[in-house]
Amino acid sequence: MIYVFLAVDLICGAGLLVLIFLHSGKGGGLSSSFGGAGGGAFGGSGAVEKNLDRLTVAFAVLFFVVTIVLGFLV
């Protein structure tokens, strides 16, 4: 049981790291590649940023919950 939570925690941590790196910072970030600065075929950079924010929050909450559960199991 602990190994399942540990695997989920590692996957969430790696996914969260990737999603944070995709966010745009001062220099535009990698998310502009997927949404385009001039409005792409995927609904523009606003929709991409909004979905990226939602996915990042979901991964962060899942990572937090799984880490707390692991703390109680160990």
N, C-alpha and C. Protein backbone atom coordinates (compact mmCIF):
# COMPACT_ATOMS: atom_id res chain seq x y z
N MET A 1 0.83 -1.19 0.00
CA MET A 1 0.00 0.00 0.00
C MET A 1 0.87 1.26 0.00
N ILE A 2 1.93 1.22 0.79
CA ILE A 2 2.81 2.38 0.86
C ILE A 2 3.50 2.59 -0.48
N TYR A 3 3.85 1.50 -1.15
CA TYR A 3 4.54 1.62 -2.43
C TYR A 3 3.65 2.23 -3.51
N VAL A 4 2.37 1.97 -3.43
CA VAL A 4 1.43 2.57 -4.39
C VAL A 4 1.37 4.08 -4.18
N PHE A 5 1.24 4.50 -2.93
CA PHE A 5 1.21 5.93 -2.64
C PHE A 5 2.54 6.59 -2.97
N LEU A 6 3.64 5.88 -2.75
CA LEU A 6 4.95 6.42 -3.07
C LEU A 6 5.11 6.61 -4.58
N ALA A 7 4.62 5.65 -5.35
CA ALA A 7 4.69 5.77 -6.81
C ALA A 7 3.83 6.94 -7.31
N VAL A 8 2.62 7.08 -6.74
CA VAL A 8 1.74 8.19 -7.12
C VAL A 8 2.38 9.53 -6.73
N ASP A 9 3.03 9.55 -5.57
CA ASP A 9 3.68 10.77 -5.11
C ASP A 9 4.83 11.16 -6.04
N LEU A 10 5.62 10.19 -6.45
CA LEU A 10 6.72 10.48 -7.37
C LEU A 10 6.23 10.95 -8.74
N ILE A 11 5.17 10.34 -9.24
CA ILE A 11 4.61 10.74 -10.53
C ILE A 11 4.02 12.15 -10.44
N CYS A 12 3.32 12.43 -9.34
CA CYS A 12 2.74 13.77 -9.16
C CYS A 12 3.83 14.82 -9.00
N GLY A 13 4.89 14.48 -8.29
CA GLY A 13 5.99 15.42 -8.11
C GLY A 13 6.68 15.75 -9.42
N ALA A 14 6.94 14.73 -10.23
CA ALA A 14 7.58 14.95 -11.53
C ALA A 14 6.65 15.71 -12.46
N GLY A 15 5.36 15.36 -12.44
CA GLY A 15 4.39 16.07 -13.27
C GLY A 15 4.24 17.52 -12.86
N LEU A 16 4.25 17.77 -11.56
CA LEU A 16 4.15 19.13 -11.06
C LEU A 16 5.36 19.95 -11.47
N LEU A 17 6.53 19.34 -11.42
CA LEU A 17 7.74 20.03 -11.85
C LEU A 17 7.67 20.41 -13.32
N VAL A 18 7.21 19.50 -14.15
CA VAL A 18 7.08 19.78 -15.59
C VAL A 18 6.05 20.88 -15.83
N LEU A 19 4.93 20.82 -15.13
CA LEU A 19 3.89 21.83 -15.32
C LEU A 19 4.35 23.21 -14.87
N ILE A 20 5.12 23.27 -13.81
CA ILE A 20 5.64 24.57 -13.35
C ILE A 20 6.62 25.13 -14.38
N PHE A 21 7.43 24.28 -14.97
CA PHE A 21 8.36 24.76 -15.99
C PHE A 21 7.63 25.23 -17.25
N LEU A 22 6.44 24.72 -17.51
CA LEU A 22 5.68 25.14 -18.68
C LEU A 22 5.05 26.52 -18.52
N HIS A 23 4.91 26.99 -17.29
CA HIS A 23 4.30 28.30 -17.06
C HIS A 23 5.19 29.41 -17.61
N SER A 24 4.52 30.48 -18.03
CA SER A 24 5.27 31.61 -18.55
C SER A 24 5.76 32.48 -17.41
N GLY A 25 6.98 32.89 -17.51
CA GLY A 25 7.56 33.78 -16.52
C GLY A 25 7.78 35.13 -17.15
N LYS A 26 8.90 35.73 -16.85
CA LYS A 26 9.22 37.03 -17.44
C LYS A 26 9.55 36.92 -18.92
N GLY A 27 10.14 35.81 -19.33
CA GLY A 27 10.58 35.66 -20.70
C GLY A 27 9.58 34.99 -21.62
N GLY A 28 8.38 34.69 -21.16
CA GLY A 28 7.38 34.07 -22.01
C GLY A 28 7.16 32.61 -21.68
N GLY A 29 8.19 31.90 -21.26
CA GLY A 29 8.05 30.50 -20.86
C GLY A 29 7.80 29.57 -22.01
N LEU A 30 7.65 28.32 -21.68
CA LEU A 30 7.40 27.31 -22.70
C LEU A 30 5.94 27.24 -23.11
N SER A 31 5.04 27.81 -22.30
CA SER A 31 3.62 27.72 -22.63
C SER A 31 3.27 28.54 -23.86
N SER A 32 4.07 29.53 -24.20
CA SER A 32 3.80 30.30 -25.41
C SER A 32 4.04 29.47 -26.66
N SER A 33 4.83 28.42 -26.55
CA SER A 33 5.06 27.54 -27.68
C SER A 33 3.81 26.76 -28.04
N PHE A 34 2.99 26.44 -27.04
CA PHE A 34 1.81 25.64 -27.28
C PHE A 34 0.58 26.48 -27.59
N GLY A 35 0.54 27.72 -27.12
CA GLY A 35 -0.61 28.57 -27.36
C GLY A 35 -0.34 29.64 -28.37
N GLY A 36 0.90 29.96 -28.58
CA GLY A 36 1.25 31.01 -29.51
C GLY A 36 1.03 32.38 -28.93
N ALA A 37 1.96 33.26 -29.16
CA ALA A 37 1.83 34.63 -28.64
C ALA A 37 0.80 35.42 -29.44
N GLY A 38 0.60 35.06 -30.71
CA GLY A 38 -0.33 35.79 -31.55
C GLY A 38 -1.67 35.10 -31.71
N GLY A 39 -1.99 34.17 -30.86
CA GLY A 39 -3.26 33.46 -30.96
C GLY A 39 -3.14 32.30 -31.93
N GLY A 40 -3.12 31.12 -31.40
CA GLY A 40 -2.92 29.94 -32.23
C GLY A 40 -4.21 29.22 -32.54
N ALA A 41 -4.07 28.00 -33.02
CA ALA A 41 -5.22 27.19 -33.40
C ALA A 41 -5.90 26.56 -32.19
N PHE A 42 -5.30 26.64 -31.02
CA PHE A 42 -5.84 26.00 -29.83
C PHE A 42 -6.62 26.96 -28.96
N GLY A 43 -7.03 28.09 -29.45
CA GLY A 43 -7.85 29.01 -28.70
C GLY A 43 -7.08 30.16 -28.08
N GLY A 44 -5.85 30.32 -28.46
CA GLY A 44 -5.07 31.44 -27.94
C GLY A 44 -4.36 31.11 -26.65
N SER A 45 -3.47 32.00 -26.27
CA SER A 45 -2.65 31.74 -25.09
C SER A 45 -3.44 31.87 -23.80
N GLY A 46 -4.54 32.62 -23.82
CA GLY A 46 -5.34 32.76 -22.59
C GLY A 46 -5.96 31.45 -22.17
N ALA A 47 -6.51 30.70 -23.10
CA ALA A 47 -7.12 29.41 -22.79
C ALA A 47 -6.08 28.39 -22.38
N VAL A 48 -4.92 28.44 -23.02
CA VAL A 48 -3.85 27.51 -22.68
C VAL A 48 -3.34 27.80 -21.28
N GLU A 49 -3.16 29.06 -20.95
CA GLU A 49 -2.70 29.43 -19.62
C GLU A 49 -3.72 29.04 -18.56
N LYS A 50 -5.00 29.22 -18.85
CA LYS A 50 -6.04 28.88 -17.89
C LYS A 50 -6.06 27.37 -17.63
N ASN A 51 -5.99 26.58 -18.69
CA ASN A 51 -5.98 25.13 -18.53
C ASN A 51 -4.70 24.65 -17.85
N LEU A 52 -3.58 25.28 -18.16
CA LEU A 52 -2.32 24.94 -17.52
C LEU A 52 -2.37 25.26 -16.03
N ASP A 53 -3.00 26.37 -15.68
CA ASP A 53 -3.17 26.72 -14.26
C ASP A 53 -4.03 25.70 -13.54
N ARG A 54 -5.12 25.29 -14.16
CA ARG A 54 -6.01 24.30 -13.54
C ARG A 54 -5.31 22.97 -13.34
N LEU A 55 -4.56 22.54 -14.35
CA LEU A 55 -3.85 21.27 -14.26
C LEU A 55 -2.76 21.33 -13.20
N THR A 56 -2.09 22.47 -13.10
CA THR A 56 -1.04 22.63 -12.09
C THR A 56 -1.64 22.60 -10.68
N VAL A 57 -2.75 23.26 -10.48
CA VAL A 57 -3.41 23.25 -9.17
C VAL A 57 -3.88 21.84 -8.82
N ALA A 58 -4.42 21.12 -9.79
CA ALA A 58 -4.88 19.75 -9.54
C ALA A 58 -3.71 18.85 -9.14
N PHE A 59 -2.58 18.97 -9.84
CA PHE A 59 -1.40 18.18 -9.49
C PHE A 59 -0.87 18.57 -8.13
N ALA A 60 -0.89 19.86 -7.81
CA ALA A 60 -0.38 20.32 -6.51
C ALA A 60 -1.25 19.80 -5.37
N VAL A 61 -2.56 19.83 -5.53
CA VAL A 61 -3.46 19.34 -4.49
C VAL A 61 -3.29 17.83 -4.32
N LEU A 62 -3.20 17.10 -5.42
CA LEU A 62 -3.01 15.66 -5.34
C LEU A 62 -1.67 15.32 -4.69
N PHE A 63 -0.63 16.05 -5.04
CA PHE A 63 0.68 15.84 -4.44
C PHE A 63 0.63 16.11 -2.93
N PHE A 64 -0.05 17.16 -2.53
CA PHE A 64 -0.18 17.51 -1.12
C PHE A 64 -0.91 16.42 -0.35
N VAL A 65 -2.04 15.96 -0.88
CA VAL A 65 -2.85 14.94 -0.20
C VAL A 65 -2.09 13.63 -0.08
N VAL A 66 -1.45 13.22 -1.16
CA VAL A 66 -0.72 11.95 -1.14
C VAL A 66 0.47 12.02 -0.18
N THR A 67 1.13 13.18 -0.12
CA THR A 67 2.25 13.33 0.81
C THR A 67 1.77 13.26 2.25
N ILE A 68 0.63 13.87 2.57
CA ILE A 68 0.07 13.80 3.92
C ILE A 68 -0.30 12.35 4.26
N VAL A 69 -0.92 11.65 3.32
CA VAL A 69 -1.29 10.25 3.56
C VAL A 69 -0.03 9.41 3.80
N LEU A 70 1.01 9.64 3.02
CA LEU A 70 2.27 8.91 3.23
C LEU A 70 2.86 9.21 4.61
N GLY A 71 2.72 10.43 5.06
CA GLY A 71 3.21 10.78 6.38
C GLY A 71 2.49 10.02 7.48
N PHE A 72 1.20 9.79 7.31
CA PHE A 72 0.45 9.03 8.30
C PHE A 72 0.72 7.54 8.22
N LEU A 73 1.01 7.04 7.03
CA LEU A 73 1.25 5.60 6.86
C LEU A 73 2.63 5.18 7.35
N VAL A 74 3.56 6.07 7.29
CA VAL A 74 4.93 5.71 7.67
C VAL A 74 5.15 5.96 9.10
